[in-house]
Amino acid sequence: MQKTMAWGENFAGPVRLVWGMKDPILGRALKSMRGIFPDAPLVKTQAGHFLQEEVPDVLAEAIRAVVQTR
């Protein structure tokens, strides 16, 4: 997680956070991500850890939105 945080602090591209609020593994890392990407739009979901399986449409829309900003 520390490597991910260090990478994020130096990332200058567009970001949209999609978060599984019921994620037992990364759920509590949201505060840290908001600290690194305070201006990134945040989409909260009732998903767990596997967003691609639980909320694929929400995740796909977030990816499309980021790609369109480039």
N, C-alpha and C. Protein backbone atom coordinates (compact mmCIF):
# COMPACT_ATOMS: atom_id res chain seq x y z
N MET A 1 0.81 -1.18 0.00
CA MET A 1 0.00 0.00 0.00
C MET A 1 0.87 1.26 0.00
N GLN A 2 2.01 1.19 0.64
CA GLN A 2 2.90 2.36 0.67
C GLN A 2 3.40 2.71 -0.72
N LYS A 3 3.69 1.71 -1.55
CA LYS A 3 4.13 1.96 -2.92
C LYS A 3 3.01 2.61 -3.72
N THR A 4 1.80 2.15 -3.51
CA THR A 4 0.65 2.73 -4.21
C THR A 4 0.47 4.18 -3.80
N MET A 5 0.58 4.47 -2.53
CA MET A 5 0.43 5.84 -2.04
C MET A 5 1.52 6.75 -2.63
N ALA A 6 2.75 6.27 -2.66
CA ALA A 6 3.85 7.07 -3.22
C ALA A 6 3.62 7.33 -4.70
N TRP A 7 3.16 6.32 -5.43
CA TRP A 7 2.86 6.50 -6.85
C TRP A 7 1.75 7.54 -7.02
N GLY A 8 0.70 7.43 -6.23
CA GLY A 8 -0.43 8.35 -6.34
C GLY A 8 -0.05 9.79 -6.07
N GLU A 9 0.84 9.99 -5.14
CA GLU A 9 1.27 11.35 -4.81
C GLU A 9 1.98 12.03 -5.97
N ASN A 10 2.54 11.25 -6.88
CA ASN A 10 3.26 11.81 -8.03
C ASN A 10 2.48 11.72 -9.33
N PHE A 11 1.28 11.20 -9.29
CA PHE A 11 0.47 11.02 -10.50
C PHE A 11 -0.22 12.33 -10.85
N ALA A 12 -0.11 12.74 -12.12
CA ALA A 12 -0.67 14.02 -12.55
C ALA A 12 -1.85 13.85 -13.50
N GLY A 13 -2.27 12.64 -13.79
CA GLY A 13 -3.35 12.40 -14.73
C GLY A 13 -4.72 12.54 -14.08
N PRO A 14 -5.76 12.35 -14.88
CA PRO A 14 -7.12 12.44 -14.34
C PRO A 14 -7.44 11.24 -13.45
N VAL A 15 -8.22 11.48 -12.42
CA VAL A 15 -8.56 10.44 -11.45
C VAL A 15 -10.05 10.52 -11.12
N ARG A 16 -10.67 9.38 -11.01
CA ARG A 16 -12.02 9.25 -10.48
C ARG A 16 -11.99 8.05 -9.56
N LEU A 17 -12.37 8.23 -8.33
CA LEU A 17 -12.36 7.14 -7.36
C LEU A 17 -13.72 6.45 -7.33
N VAL A 18 -13.70 5.15 -7.46
CA VAL A 18 -14.91 4.33 -7.30
C VAL A 18 -14.62 3.43 -6.11
N TRP A 19 -15.45 3.56 -5.06
CA TRP A 19 -15.13 2.88 -3.82
C TRP A 19 -16.23 1.95 -3.37
N GLY A 20 -15.83 0.76 -3.00
CA GLY A 20 -16.75 -0.20 -2.39
C GLY A 20 -16.79 0.06 -0.89
N MET A 21 -17.87 0.63 -0.43
CA MET A 21 -17.97 0.99 0.98
C MET A 21 -18.04 -0.22 1.91
N LYS A 22 -18.30 -1.39 1.34
CA LYS A 22 -18.33 -2.61 2.14
C LYS A 22 -17.07 -3.46 1.93
N ASP A 23 -16.04 -2.85 1.38
CA ASP A 23 -14.79 -3.57 1.11
C ASP A 23 -14.07 -3.85 2.43
N PRO A 24 -13.93 -5.13 2.80
CA PRO A 24 -13.28 -5.46 4.06
C PRO A 24 -11.76 -5.32 4.00
N ILE A 25 -11.21 -5.19 2.81
CA ILE A 25 -9.75 -5.11 2.67
C ILE A 25 -9.28 -3.66 2.51
N LEU A 26 -9.87 -2.92 1.57
CA LEU A 26 -9.44 -1.55 1.29
C LEU A 26 -10.43 -0.48 1.75
N GLY A 27 -11.51 -0.89 2.35
CA GLY A 27 -12.55 0.06 2.74
C GLY A 27 -12.05 1.23 3.56
N ARG A 28 -11.17 0.96 4.49
CA ARG A 28 -10.70 2.05 5.36
C ARG A 28 -9.60 2.90 4.73
N ALA A 29 -9.16 2.56 3.54
CA ALA A 29 -8.12 3.34 2.85
C ALA A 29 -8.69 4.55 2.12
N LEU A 30 -9.99 4.70 2.12
CA LEU A 30 -10.61 5.82 1.39
C LEU A 30 -10.10 7.17 1.89
N LYS A 31 -9.97 7.32 3.17
CA LYS A 31 -9.48 8.59 3.72
C LYS A 31 -8.09 8.93 3.16
N SER A 32 -7.24 7.95 3.06
CA SER A 32 -5.89 8.17 2.51
C SER A 32 -5.97 8.56 1.03
N MET A 33 -6.83 7.87 0.28
CA MET A 33 -6.97 8.20 -1.15
C MET A 33 -7.52 9.60 -1.34
N ARG A 34 -8.46 10.00 -0.51
CA ARG A 34 -9.01 11.36 -0.59
C ARG A 34 -7.92 12.38 -0.27
N GLY A 35 -6.99 12.01 0.60
CA GLY A 35 -5.88 12.91 0.91
C GLY A 35 -4.94 13.09 -0.27
N ILE A 36 -4.74 12.03 -1.03
CA ILE A 36 -3.86 12.09 -2.20
C ILE A 36 -4.57 12.74 -3.39
N PHE A 37 -5.85 12.44 -3.55
CA PHE A 37 -6.62 12.96 -4.69
C PHE A 37 -7.83 13.74 -4.18
N PRO A 38 -7.61 14.86 -3.52
CA PRO A 38 -8.73 15.58 -2.89
C PRO A 38 -9.77 16.13 -3.88
N ASP A 39 -9.36 16.38 -5.10
CA ASP A 39 -10.29 16.95 -6.09
C ASP A 39 -10.91 15.90 -7.00
N ALA A 40 -10.54 14.65 -6.82
CA ALA A 40 -11.08 13.59 -7.68
C ALA A 40 -12.54 13.34 -7.35
N PRO A 41 -13.38 13.20 -8.37
CA PRO A 41 -14.76 12.80 -8.11
C PRO A 41 -14.77 11.44 -7.42
N LEU A 42 -15.68 11.27 -6.49
CA LEU A 42 -15.79 10.03 -5.73
C LEU A 42 -17.16 9.42 -5.95
N VAL A 43 -17.15 8.16 -6.36
CA VAL A 43 -18.39 7.41 -6.52
C VAL A 43 -18.39 6.32 -5.44
N LYS A 44 -19.27 6.47 -4.47
CA LYS A 44 -19.39 5.47 -3.41
C LYS A 44 -20.40 4.42 -3.85
N THR A 45 -20.05 3.16 -3.65
CA THR A 45 -20.97 2.07 -3.98
C THR A 45 -21.17 1.21 -2.74
N GLN A 46 -22.17 0.37 -2.78
CA GLN A 46 -22.42 -0.57 -1.70
C GLN A 46 -21.71 -1.90 -1.96
N ALA A 47 -20.74 -1.87 -2.86
CA ALA A 47 -19.98 -3.07 -3.22
C ALA A 47 -18.95 -3.41 -2.15
N GLY A 48 -18.40 -4.59 -2.29
CA GLY A 48 -17.31 -5.03 -1.45
C GLY A 48 -15.98 -4.82 -2.16
N HIS A 49 -15.16 -5.84 -2.19
CA HIS A 49 -13.81 -5.73 -2.74
C HIS A 49 -13.73 -5.89 -4.26
N PHE A 50 -14.68 -6.57 -4.86
CA PHE A 50 -14.60 -6.87 -6.29
C PHE A 50 -15.56 -6.01 -7.10
N LEU A 51 -15.21 -4.75 -7.27
CA LEU A 51 -16.07 -3.80 -7.99
C LEU A 51 -16.40 -4.28 -9.40
N GLN A 52 -15.43 -4.85 -10.07
CA GLN A 52 -15.63 -5.30 -11.45
C GLN A 52 -16.71 -6.36 -11.55
N GLU A 53 -16.96 -7.08 -10.48
CA GLU A 53 -18.00 -8.11 -10.46
C GLU A 53 -19.31 -7.58 -9.86
N GLU A 54 -19.19 -6.72 -8.87
CA GLU A 54 -20.37 -6.28 -8.14
C GLU A 54 -21.06 -5.06 -8.75
N VAL A 55 -20.29 -4.13 -9.28
CA VAL A 55 -20.87 -2.92 -9.88
C VAL A 55 -20.16 -2.60 -11.20
N PRO A 56 -20.18 -3.53 -12.14
CA PRO A 56 -19.41 -3.33 -13.38
C PRO A 56 -19.86 -2.10 -14.16
N ASP A 57 -21.13 -1.78 -14.17
CA ASP A 57 -21.60 -0.62 -14.92
C ASP A 57 -21.08 0.69 -14.32
N VAL A 58 -21.06 0.76 -13.01
CA VAL A 58 -20.55 1.96 -12.33
C VAL A 58 -19.06 2.12 -12.61
N LEU A 59 -18.34 1.04 -12.53
CA LEU A 59 -16.90 1.07 -12.79
C LEU A 59 -16.61 1.44 -14.24
N ALA A 60 -17.35 0.86 -15.17
CA ALA A 60 -17.15 1.17 -16.59
C ALA A 60 -17.44 2.63 -16.87
N GLU A 61 -18.47 3.19 -16.28
CA GLU A 61 -18.80 4.59 -16.48
C GLU A 61 -17.69 5.50 -15.94
N ALA A 62 -17.13 5.15 -14.82
CA ALA A 62 -16.03 5.94 -14.26
C ALA A 62 -14.81 5.89 -15.17
N ILE A 63 -14.53 4.75 -15.72
CA ILE A 63 -13.40 4.62 -16.65
C ILE A 63 -13.66 5.46 -17.90
N ARG A 64 -14.88 5.38 -18.43
CA ARG A 64 -15.22 6.20 -19.61
C ARG A 64 -15.05 7.68 -19.31
N ALA A 65 -15.49 8.11 -18.14
CA ALA A 65 -15.39 9.52 -17.78
C ALA A 65 -13.93 9.99 -17.71
N VAL A 66 -13.06 9.15 -17.19
CA VAL A 66 -11.64 9.51 -17.11
C VAL A 66 -11.03 9.56 -18.50
N VAL A 67 -11.35 8.58 -19.33
CA VAL A 67 -10.79 8.53 -20.69
C VAL A 67 -11.25 9.74 -21.50
N GLN A 68 -12.47 10.17 -21.30
CA GLN A 68 -13.00 11.32 -22.05
C GLN A 68 -12.34 12.62 -21.66
N THR A 69 -11.73 12.70 -20.47
CA THR A 69 -11.07 13.93 -20.04
C THR A 69 -9.68 14.06 -20.62
N ARG A 70 -9.18 13.03 -21.24
CA ARG A 70 -7.82 13.06 -21.78
C ARG A 70 -7.78 13.63 -23.15
